[in-house]
């Protein structure tokens, strides 16, 4: 979303203050170099006490401004926004003060010192006025404070000494033209500073808009890359999920080709595997809607023993091919769940267990606890080291030293994690390297709320009263 006008204004003001402070040191150095020259010329020609007071105040203010510059570079240079505005509010008075002190030098010398001294002091003050165009116009409030203080103090320096009788009245013929010229200079300085400030502000606003455009293009590029990655994950997920049922189907087909007389026994299994493939296709296409947040679960009563039989039918050829035992253990239970999603979760866990088990077997079971139901997949495989037990749920992650990962895309456990989160299930793992693993899918009581119980699910939920038998 585009930034608000207030945010844009704060960012531009922050950058303008940074430009202001970038020129502060050069202004300080020019003032420090001009002061000895003026003191040399004014000494002996200006009232000594007034000169001492003016010099002391100017030196103290220059030292204070040096400390201000150092403070900005240490504390505020790396910050932006309102923090720099606080800095200006704290130190802004120093620009007005320095303008007043430079203007006072005209009152100390006008018609009191020699003409060369008056000329040099006038040129110094004029130079500081012109220097403010480049040094201070970046931040208009400071520029106005400085120039107003400088010009007003010069006006007072020209008129007050005559009113107090310090200089003769005959000097009035010089004062009036000088005041007129000073007012013209004031108007010109203010106009030029404002225009220069507008140029600098417009440049920074353009920079801000360009950065917004770059950020927008970057976000769109990342969104496109994420879309491509999502497509790749979808294709990889489809390949992963379809490999096992297709492999089982090919084994049954080979069995039927070698032993045609077994057709009555094999045909139902081929039909069941084909049905599983179709269901997986439907489920894979539904995966694209999970990330979009509009995936609709098809909750219904699921017979656990029939669910286990389907999983065994799908993976028994794989287990037999590796001389492994694939067993199940569950008492008669009916769940409230999406059967396709639940079959995919358990199927991926069993597939993962068979892939990494080379002797012994795999056990798929269901435990009944007081507050939840727990599916467990035990294996006697290679196990998972502690440092990998979090990473295995990441996409495309494979433990390189494990046998059986060569043909794995590293998506099985990722799919399990995503689907478990979708269903509101909890996933747990306990594994010991070289001894085996157990994956647990825990179904809290609230996930077993049936259609009738869902309308009255404010109290403590009892699985026995919510469709779990």
Protein backbone atom coordinates (compact mmCIF):
# COMPACT_ATOMS: atom_id res chain seq x y z
CA UNK A 1 0.00 0.00 0.00
CA UNK A 2 1.27 3.53 -0.75
CA UNK A 3 2.54 5.47 2.24
CA UNK A 4 0.27 8.08 3.76
CA UNK A 5 0.95 11.79 3.10
CA UNK A 6 1.93 12.17 6.76
CA UNK A 7 4.50 9.37 6.51
CA UNK A 8 5.89 10.85 3.30
CA UNK A 9 6.14 14.30 4.86
CA UNK A 10 7.96 12.94 7.91
CA UNK A 11 10.43 11.04 5.74
CA UNK A 12 11.15 14.09 3.55
CA UNK A 13 11.53 16.38 6.59
CA UNK A 14 13.92 13.89 8.13
CA UNK A 15 16.08 13.89 5.00
CA UNK A 16 15.99 17.70 4.83
CA UNK A 17 17.21 17.93 8.41
CA UNK A 18 20.00 15.54 7.48
CA UNK A 19 21.00 17.87 4.61
CA UNK A 20 20.89 20.80 7.03
CA UNK A 21 23.26 19.10 9.45
CA UNK A 22 25.54 17.96 6.64
CA UNK A 23 26.32 21.66 5.98
CA UNK A 24 26.50 22.67 9.66
CA UNK A 25 30.21 21.93 10.06
CA UNK A 26 31.22 24.03 7.04
CA UNK A 27 29.22 26.97 8.42
CA UNK A 28 30.89 26.56 11.79
CA UNK A 29 34.36 26.51 10.22
CA UNK A 30 33.66 29.64 8.17
CA UNK A 31 32.46 31.45 11.29
CA UNK A 32 35.53 30.35 13.26
CA UNK A 33 37.83 31.64 10.49
CA UNK A 34 36.02 34.99 10.09
CA UNK A 35 35.96 35.81 13.82
CA UNK A 36 39.74 36.44 14.30
CA UNK A 37 39.80 38.77 11.30
CA UNK A 38 36.92 40.82 12.67
CA UNK A 39 38.45 40.96 16.15
CA UNK A 40 41.75 42.16 14.70
CA UNK A 41 40.07 45.01 12.85
CA UNK A 42 37.59 45.94 15.62
CA UNK A 43 40.16 45.99 18.42
CA UNK A 44 40.84 49.59 19.47
CA UNK A 45 38.01 50.95 17.30
CA UNK A 46 35.00 49.53 19.15
CA UNK A 47 34.02 49.89 22.81
CA UNK A 48 36.19 47.38 24.65
CA UNK A 49 33.53 46.01 27.06
CA UNK A 50 31.00 45.60 24.27
CA UNK A 51 33.60 43.83 22.12
CA UNK A 52 34.55 41.45 24.97
CA UNK A 53 30.91 40.57 25.69
CA UNK A 54 30.14 40.05 22.01
CA UNK A 55 33.25 37.90 21.49
CA UNK A 56 32.56 35.78 24.59
CA UNK A 57 28.97 35.13 23.57
CA UNK A 58 29.98 34.25 20.04
CA UNK A 59 32.77 31.87 21.16
CA UNK A 60 30.42 30.18 23.66
CA UNK A 61 27.76 29.74 20.99
CA UNK A 62 30.26 28.35 18.47
CA UNK A 63 31.45 25.83 21.06
CA UNK A 64 27.82 24.90 21.81
CA UNK A 65 27.09 24.42 18.12
CA UNK A 66 30.15 22.21 17.72
CA UNK A 67 28.82 20.05 20.56
CA UNK A 68 25.42 20.04 18.83
CA UNK A 69 26.96 18.75 15.59
CA UNK A 70 28.83 15.99 17.42
CA UNK A 71 25.67 15.00 19.28
CA UNK A 72 23.73 14.76 16.04
CA UNK A 73 26.32 12.55 14.40
CA UNK A 74 26.52 10.23 17.40
CA UNK A 75 22.81 9.95 18.28
CA UNK A 76 20.64 11.16 15.44
CA UNK A 77 22.55 10.49 12.24
CA UNK A 78 21.35 6.86 12.07
CA UNK A 79 17.74 7.67 12.99
CA UNK A 80 14.88 9.11 10.99
CA UNK A 81 11.37 10.48 11.41
CA UNK A 82 10.19 12.21 14.55
CA UNK A 83 13.52 11.71 16.35
CA UNK A 84 15.23 14.28 14.15
CA UNK A 85 12.30 16.64 14.64
CA UNK A 86 12.92 16.40 18.38
CA UNK A 87 16.55 17.34 17.72
CA UNK A 88 15.49 20.48 15.83
CA UNK A 89 13.07 21.47 18.57
CA UNK A 90 15.87 21.12 21.11
CA UNK A 91 18.65 22.95 19.26
CA UNK A 92 16.75 25.18 16.81
CA UNK A 93 17.21 28.29 18.93
CA UNK A 94 20.98 28.24 18.29
CA UNK A 95 20.52 29.27 14.65
CA UNK A 96 18.51 32.32 15.69
CA UNK A 97 21.10 33.17 18.33
CA UNK A 98 24.02 32.97 15.92
CA UNK A 99 22.14 35.16 13.43
CA UNK A 100 21.54 37.78 16.12
CA UNK A 101 25.20 37.82 17.17
CA UNK A 102 26.46 38.27 13.60
CA UNK A 103 23.97 41.09 13.06
CA UNK A 104 25.08 42.81 16.28
CA UNK A 105 28.56 43.30 14.77
CA UNK A 106 27.03 45.90 12.43
CA UNK A 107 25.71 47.89 15.40
CA UNK A 108 29.14 47.78 17.04
CA UNK A 109 30.97 49.18 14.01
CA UNK A 110 28.54 51.36 12.01
CA UNK A 111 29.75 54.94 11.97
CA UNK A 112 31.97 54.14 14.99
CA UNK A 113 34.88 52.20 13.45
CA UNK A 114 36.96 53.03 10.42
CA UNK A 115 35.49 52.60 6.96
CA UNK A 116 37.64 49.50 6.15
CA UNK A 117 36.46 47.85 9.39
CA UNK A 118 32.83 48.67 8.63
CA UNK A 119 33.28 47.33 5.11
CA UNK A 120 34.82 44.05 6.28
CA UNK A 121 32.15 43.53 8.94
CA UNK A 122 29.44 44.28 6.39
CA UNK A 123 30.95 41.81 3.93
CA UNK A 124 31.15 39.12 6.63
CA UNK A 125 27.50 39.59 7.56
CA UNK A 126 26.50 39.65 3.88
CA UNK A 127 28.52 36.48 3.30
CA UNK A 128 26.78 34.68 6.16
CA UNK A 129 23.45 35.73 4.73
CA UNK A 130 24.35 34.33 1.31
CA UNK A 131 25.87 31.20 2.88
CA UNK A 132 22.54 30.48 4.54
CA UNK A 133 21.04 29.85 1.08
CA UNK A 134 23.07 26.69 0.61
CA UNK A 135 23.63 25.77 4.25
CA UNK A 136 20.15 26.31 5.75
CA UNK A 137 17.54 26.42 2.98
CA UNK A 138 17.15 22.63 3.12
CA UNK A 139 15.01 23.01 6.23
CA UNK A 140 12.84 26.07 5.80
CA UNK A 141 11.90 26.78 9.47
CA UNK A 142 15.58 27.01 10.46
CA UNK A 143 16.41 29.12 7.41
CA UNK A 144 13.65 31.58 8.23
CA UNK A 145 14.66 31.83 11.90
CA UNK A 146 18.28 32.50 10.99
CA UNK A 147 17.67 35.05 8.22
CA UNK A 148 14.98 36.89 10.18
CA UNK A 149 17.25 37.09 13.24
CA UNK A 150 20.20 38.24 11.14
CA UNK A 151 18.32 40.97 9.24
CA UNK A 152 16.38 42.25 12.25
CA UNK A 153 19.55 42.50 14.34
CA UNK A 154 21.26 44.42 11.50
CA UNK A 155 18.28 46.81 11.31
CA UNK A 156 18.47 47.36 15.04
CA UNK A 157 22.23 47.82 14.78
CA UNK A 158 21.71 50.61 12.23
CA UNK A 159 18.94 52.48 14.06
CA UNK A 160 19.40 51.93 17.83
CA UNK A 161 22.85 53.61 18.09
CA UNK A 162 21.42 56.75 16.45
CA UNK A 163 18.38 56.73 18.76
CA UNK A 164 20.68 56.40 21.77
CA UNK A 165 22.91 59.24 20.50
CA UNK A 166 25.96 57.06 20.13
CA UNK A 167 26.42 58.20 16.52
CA UNK A 168 25.68 61.65 15.09
CA UNK A 169 22.33 62.41 13.49
CA UNK A 170 24.11 63.33 10.29
CA UNK A 171 24.57 59.62 9.69
CA UNK A 172 20.85 59.43 8.96
CA UNK A 173 21.50 60.01 5.28
CA UNK A 174 23.46 56.74 5.21
CA UNK A 175 21.01 54.78 7.36
CA UNK A 176 17.91 55.23 5.20
CA UNK A 177 19.52 53.91 1.95
CA UNK A 178 21.11 51.04 3.89
CA UNK A 179 17.77 50.07 5.44
CA UNK A 180 16.13 50.17 2.01
CA UNK A 181 18.87 47.99 0.51
CA UNK A 182 18.70 45.67 3.52
CA UNK A 183 14.96 45.16 3.07
CA UNK A 184 15.51 44.34 -0.62
CA UNK A 185 18.24 41.88 0.36
CA UNK A 186 15.93 40.37 2.98
CA UNK A 187 13.13 39.85 0.42
CA UNK A 188 15.51 38.41 -2.16
CA UNK A 189 17.13 36.09 0.39
CA UNK A 190 13.76 34.83 1.60
CA UNK A 191 12.47 34.24 -1.96
CA UNK A 192 15.64 32.51 -3.16
CA UNK A 193 15.77 30.31 -0.04
CA UNK A 194 12.15 29.26 -0.43
CA UNK A 195 12.63 28.33 -4.08
CA UNK A 196 15.80 26.38 -3.32
CA UNK A 197 13.98 24.60 -0.53
CA UNK A 198 11.14 23.65 -2.88
CA UNK A 199 13.64 22.19 -5.34
CA UNK A 200 15.26 20.10 -2.60
CA UNK A 201 11.89 18.94 -1.22
CA UNK A 202 10.63 18.00 -4.69
CA UNK A 203 13.80 16.01 -5.31
CA UNK A 204 13.38 14.07 -2.07
CA UNK A 205 9.68 13.47 -2.72
CA UNK A 206 10.59 12.05 -6.12
CA UNK A 207 13.17 9.84 -4.42
CA UNK A 208 10.51 8.67 -1.97
CA UNK A 209 8.07 7.82 -4.79
CA UNK A 210 10.81 6.00 -6.69
CA UNK A 211 11.64 3.95 -3.61
CA UNK A 212 7.95 3.11 -3.19
CA UNK A 213 7.84 2.00 -6.81
CA UNK A 214 10.96 -0.13 -6.34
CA UNK A 215 9.48 -1.71 -3.21
CA UNK A 216 6.23 -2.39 -5.06
CA UNK A 217 8.05 -4.00 -7.97
CA UNK A 218 10.15 -6.04 -5.53
CA UNK A 219 7.03 -7.30 -3.78
CA UNK A 220 5.41 -8.19 -7.09
CA UNK A 221 8.56 -10.02 -8.14
CA UNK A 222 8.59 -11.95 -4.88
CA UNK A 223 4.90 -12.75 -5.32
CA UNK A 224 5.64 -14.09 -8.79
CA UNK A 225 8.51 -16.19 -7.45
CA UNK A 226 6.25 -17.51 -4.70
CA UNK A 227 3.65 -18.41 -7.30
CA UNK A 228 6.26 -20.33 -9.29
CA UNK A 229 7.47 -22.03 -6.11
CA UNK A 230 3.89 -22.95 -5.24
CA UNK A 231 3.44 -24.50 -8.66
CA UNK A 232 6.67 -26.45 -8.27
CA UNK A 233 5.64 -27.64 -4.83
CA UNK A 234 2.28 -28.71 -6.18
CA UNK A 235 3.86 -30.74 -8.96
CA UNK A 236 6.38 -32.26 -6.58
CA UNK A 237 3.64 -33.05 -4.09
CA UNK A 238 1.57 -34.71 -6.79
CA UNK A 239 4.51 -36.83 -7.87
CA UNK A 240 5.21 -37.80 -4.27
CA UNK A 241 1.66 -38.74 -3.36
CA UNK A 242 0.96 -40.65 -6.55
CA UNK A 243 4.15 -42.70 -6.46
CA UNK A 244 3.03 -45.21 -3.83
CA UNK A 245 -0.48 -46.09 -5.15
CA UNK A 246 0.81 -46.27 -8.72
CA UNK A 247 3.64 -48.51 -7.57
CA UNK A 248 1.18 -50.75 -5.77
CA UNK A 249 -1.02 -50.82 -8.86
CA UNK A 250 1.92 -51.87 -11.03
CA UNK A 251 2.77 -54.68 -8.59
CA UNK A 252 -0.78 -55.96 -8.69
CA UNK A 253 -0.74 -55.75 -12.49
CA UNK A 254 2.50 -57.78 -12.63
CA UNK A 255 1.01 -60.29 -10.23
CA UNK A 256 -2.09 -60.60 -12.43
CA UNK A 257 0.07 -61.07 -15.54
CA UNK A 258 2.06 -63.91 -13.97
CA UNK A 259 -0.87 -65.59 -12.22
CA UNK A 260 -4.06 -64.94 -14.21
CA UNK A 261 -6.00 -67.39 -12.06
CA UNK A 262 -5.68 -64.93 -9.17
CA UNK A 263 -7.81 -62.33 -11.01
CA UNK A 264 -10.80 -62.62 -8.63
CA UNK A 265 -8.50 -61.75 -5.72
CA UNK A 266 -6.37 -59.14 -7.45
CA UNK A 267 -9.10 -57.23 -9.33
CA UNK A 268 -10.66 -55.72 -6.16
CA UNK A 269 -7.23 -54.56 -5.04
CA UNK A 270 -6.55 -52.97 -8.42
CA UNK A 271 -9.93 -51.26 -8.21
CA UNK A 272 -9.15 -50.06 -4.69
CA UNK A 273 -5.76 -48.68 -5.74
CA UNK A 274 -7.34 -46.92 -8.72
CA UNK A 275 -9.93 -45.37 -6.43
CA UNK A 276 -7.15 -44.23 -4.12
CA UNK A 277 -5.36 -42.57 -7.04
CA UNK A 278 -8.52 -40.71 -8.04
CA UNK A 279 -9.04 -39.56 -4.48
CA UNK A 280 -5.45 -38.40 -4.27
CA UNK A 281 -5.87 -36.42 -7.49
CA UNK A 282 -8.89 -34.68 -6.03
CA UNK A 283 -7.04 -34.05 -2.79
CA UNK A 284 -3.94 -32.67 -4.54
CA UNK A 285 -6.00 -30.16 -6.45
CA UNK A 286 -7.67 -29.20 -3.19
CA UNK A 287 -4.21 -28.46 -1.74
CA UNK A 288 -4.04 -25.34 -3.89
CA UNK A 289 -7.03 -24.04 -1.95
CA UNK A 290 -5.47 -24.65 1.46
CA UNK A 291 -3.02 -21.77 1.12
CA UNK A 292 -5.84 -19.58 -0.19
CA UNK A 293 -7.85 -20.35 2.95
CA UNK A 294 -10.94 -21.63 1.16
CA UNK A 295 -10.40 -25.40 1.42
CA UNK A 296 -13.59 -27.15 2.43
CA UNK A 297 -13.21 -30.25 4.55
CA UNK A 298 -15.59 -33.12 3.91
CA UNK A 299 -16.15 -34.26 7.47
CA UNK A 300 -17.94 -37.55 7.98
CA UNK A 301 -17.87 -40.65 10.15
CA UNK A 302 -14.74 -42.71 9.47
CA UNK A 303 -14.32 -46.35 10.45
CA UNK A 304 -10.76 -46.64 11.79
CA UNK A 305 -10.44 -50.36 11.08
CA UNK A 306 -11.53 -49.83 7.47
CA UNK A 307 -9.12 -46.87 7.24
CA UNK A 308 -6.26 -49.07 8.45
CA UNK A 309 -7.26 -51.78 5.98
CA UNK A 310 -7.05 -49.28 3.12
CA UNK A 311 -3.60 -48.15 4.22
CA UNK A 312 -2.38 -51.76 4.52
CA UNK A 313 -3.80 -52.57 1.10
CA UNK A 314 -1.84 -49.66 -0.36
CA UNK A 315 1.49 -50.33 1.33
CA UNK A 316 1.56 -54.10 1.91
CA UNK A 317 3.32 -54.75 -1.44
CA UNK A 318 6.02 -52.24 -0.48
CA UNK A 319 6.52 -53.89 2.91
CA UNK A 320 6.60 -57.38 1.37
CA UNK A 321 9.15 -56.22 -1.19
CA UNK A 322 11.50 -55.23 1.66
CA UNK A 323 10.64 -58.29 3.82
CA UNK A 324 9.12 -56.02 6.47
CA UNK A 325 6.06 -56.61 8.64
CA UNK A 326 3.28 -54.04 8.34
CA UNK A 327 0.84 -54.41 11.23
CA UNK A 328 -2.09 -52.44 12.61
CA UNK A 329 -3.71 -52.29 16.01
CA UNK A 330 -7.00 -50.56 16.78
CA UNK A 331 -10.22 -51.47 18.49
CA UNK A 332 -13.48 -50.69 16.68
CA UNK A 333 -13.71 -46.89 16.56
CA UNK A 334 -15.60 -44.36 14.47
CA UNK A 335 -14.08 -40.90 14.03
CA UNK A 336 -15.46 -37.58 12.83
CA UNK A 337 -12.93 -36.52 10.18
CA UNK A 338 -12.17 -36.07 6.49
CA UNK A 339 -11.33 -39.62 5.36
CA UNK A 340 -9.19 -38.55 2.38
CA UNK A 341 -7.09 -36.14 4.44
CA UNK A 342 -6.72 -38.62 7.30
CA UNK A 343 -5.72 -41.39 4.88
CA UNK A 344 -3.10 -39.12 3.34
CA UNK A 345 -1.66 -38.22 6.74
CA UNK A 346 -1.35 -41.83 7.84
CA UNK A 347 -0.28 -42.98 4.39
CA UNK A 348 2.58 -40.51 4.24
CA UNK A 349 3.75 -41.50 7.73
CA UNK A 350 3.64 -45.21 6.85
CA UNK A 351 5.42 -44.54 3.55
CA UNK A 352 8.11 -42.58 5.35
CA UNK A 353 8.53 -45.36 7.94
CA UNK A 354 8.83 -48.10 5.29
CA UNK A 355 11.35 -46.07 3.30
CA UNK A 356 13.72 -45.76 6.24
CA UNK A 357 13.25 -49.22 7.74
CA UNK A 358 15.40 -52.10 6.49
CA UNK A 359 14.61 -54.80 9.01
CA UNK A 360 11.85 -55.40 11.48
CA UNK A 361 8.61 -53.69 10.59
CA UNK A 362 6.10 -50.85 10.94
CA UNK A 363 3.14 -50.65 13.31
CA UNK A 364 0.12 -48.40 12.75
CA UNK A 365 -2.04 -48.05 15.82
CA UNK A 366 -4.68 -45.99 17.59
CA UNK A 367 -4.61 -45.14 21.31
CA UNK A 368 -7.54 -43.83 23.33
CA UNK A 369 -6.76 -41.18 25.94
CA UNK A 370 -9.08 -39.28 28.22
CA UNK A 371 -8.87 -36.05 26.24
CA UNK A 372 -7.83 -37.15 22.77
CA UNK A 373 -7.28 -39.93 20.29
CA UNK A 374 -3.73 -40.63 19.12
CA UNK A 375 -2.64 -42.30 15.90
CA UNK A 376 0.86 -43.75 16.16
CA UNK A 377 3.24 -45.00 13.48
CA UNK A 378 6.14 -47.01 14.94
CA UNK A 379 9.11 -48.25 12.97
CA UNK A 380 12.41 -50.01 13.65
CA UNK A 381 14.30 -47.95 11.10
CA UNK A 382 17.36 -45.75 11.12
CA UNK A 383 15.81 -43.11 13.39
CA UNK A 384 16.26 -39.36 13.21
CA UNK A 385 19.01 -37.46 15.01
CA UNK A 386 17.88 -34.73 17.39
CA UNK A 387 19.35 -31.94 15.26
CA UNK A 388 17.16 -32.99 12.30
CA UNK A 389 13.87 -33.54 14.12
CA UNK A 390 12.58 -30.04 13.40
CA UNK A 391 13.99 -29.70 9.89
CA UNK A 392 12.40 -32.90 8.53
CA UNK A 393 9.03 -31.11 8.38
CA UNK A 394 10.45 -28.48 6.03
CA UNK A 395 9.83 -28.76 2.31
CA UNK A 396 12.38 -30.75 0.29
CA UNK A 397 14.49 -31.53 3.36
CA UNK A 398 16.17 -34.94 3.36
CA UNK A 399 18.70 -36.39 5.77
CA UNK A 400 21.57 -37.00 3.38
CA UNK A 401 23.13 -39.93 5.23
CA UNK A 402 19.90 -41.93 5.37
CA UNK A 403 19.43 -44.75 2.90
CA UNK A 404 16.15 -44.58 1.06
CA UNK A 405 16.11 -40.84 0.54
CA UNK A 406 17.52 -40.95 -2.97
CA UNK A 407 14.08 -41.20 -4.57
CA UNK A 408 12.36 -39.02 -1.99
CA UNK A 409 11.37 -35.43 -2.72
CA UNK A 410 11.31 -34.48 0.96
CA UNK A 411 7.64 -33.57 0.91
CA UNK A 412 5.90 -36.39 2.75
CA UNK A 413 6.28 -35.00 6.26
CA UNK A 414 5.64 -31.46 5.01
CA UNK A 415 2.28 -32.61 3.67
CA UNK A 416 1.56 -34.35 6.96
CA UNK A 417 2.32 -31.19 8.93
CA UNK A 418 0.19 -28.98 6.67
CA UNK A 419 -2.80 -31.31 6.69
CA UNK A 420 -2.57 -31.88 10.44
CA UNK A 421 -2.65 -28.12 11.00
CA UNK A 422 -5.62 -27.84 8.66
CA UNK A 423 -7.56 -30.45 10.62
CA UNK A 424 -6.61 -29.03 14.01
CA UNK A 425 -4.50 -32.07 14.90
CA UNK A 426 -1.24 -32.04 16.85
CA UNK A 427 1.89 -33.70 15.53
CA UNK A 428 4.65 -35.15 17.70
CA UNK A 429 7.82 -37.11 17.08
CA UNK A 430 10.04 -39.25 19.26
CA UNK A 431 13.07 -40.82 17.63
CA UNK A 432 16.41 -42.33 18.55
CA UNK A 433 19.11 -42.60 15.92
CA UNK A 434 19.67 -46.18 14.72
CA UNK A 435 16.80 -47.49 16.87
CA UNK A 436 13.61 -46.23 15.26
CA UNK A 437 10.94 -43.55 15.42
CA UNK A 438 7.36 -43.01 16.44
CA UNK A 439 5.16 -40.32 14.91
CA UNK A 440 2.01 -39.36 16.77
CA UNK A 441 -1.02 -37.58 15.30
CA UNK A 442 -3.15 -36.38 18.21
CA UNK A 443 -6.82 -35.61 17.67
CA UNK A 444 -8.05 -33.31 20.47
CA UNK A 445 -11.62 -33.70 21.67
CA UNK A 446 -12.86 -30.58 19.86
CA UNK A 447 -11.92 -32.09 16.48
CA UNK A 448 -14.38 -34.93 17.14
CA UNK A 449 -17.40 -32.67 17.44
CA UNK A 450 -20.14 -33.99 15.18
CA UNK A 451 -22.84 -31.95 13.52
CA UNK A 452 -25.17 -32.02 16.53
CA UNK A 453 -22.50 -31.57 19.17
CA UNK A 454 -20.92 -28.67 17.28
CA UNK A 455 -23.90 -26.51 18.18
CA UNK A 456 -23.41 -27.15 21.90
CA UNK A 457 -19.60 -27.25 22.25
CA UNK A 458 -19.06 -24.64 24.95
CA UNK A 459 -18.38 -27.06 27.81
CA UNK A 460 -15.80 -29.79 28.32
CA UNK A 461 -15.93 -32.13 25.36
CA UNK A 462 -16.18 -35.85 25.88
CA UNK A 463 -15.01 -37.91 22.91
CA UNK A 464 -17.39 -40.70 23.80
CA UNK A 465 -20.32 -38.31 23.41
CA UNK A 466 -19.14 -36.80 20.14
CA UNK A 467 -19.28 -39.58 17.61
CA UNK A 468 -16.27 -41.56 18.86
CA UNK A 469 -17.35 -45.11 19.58
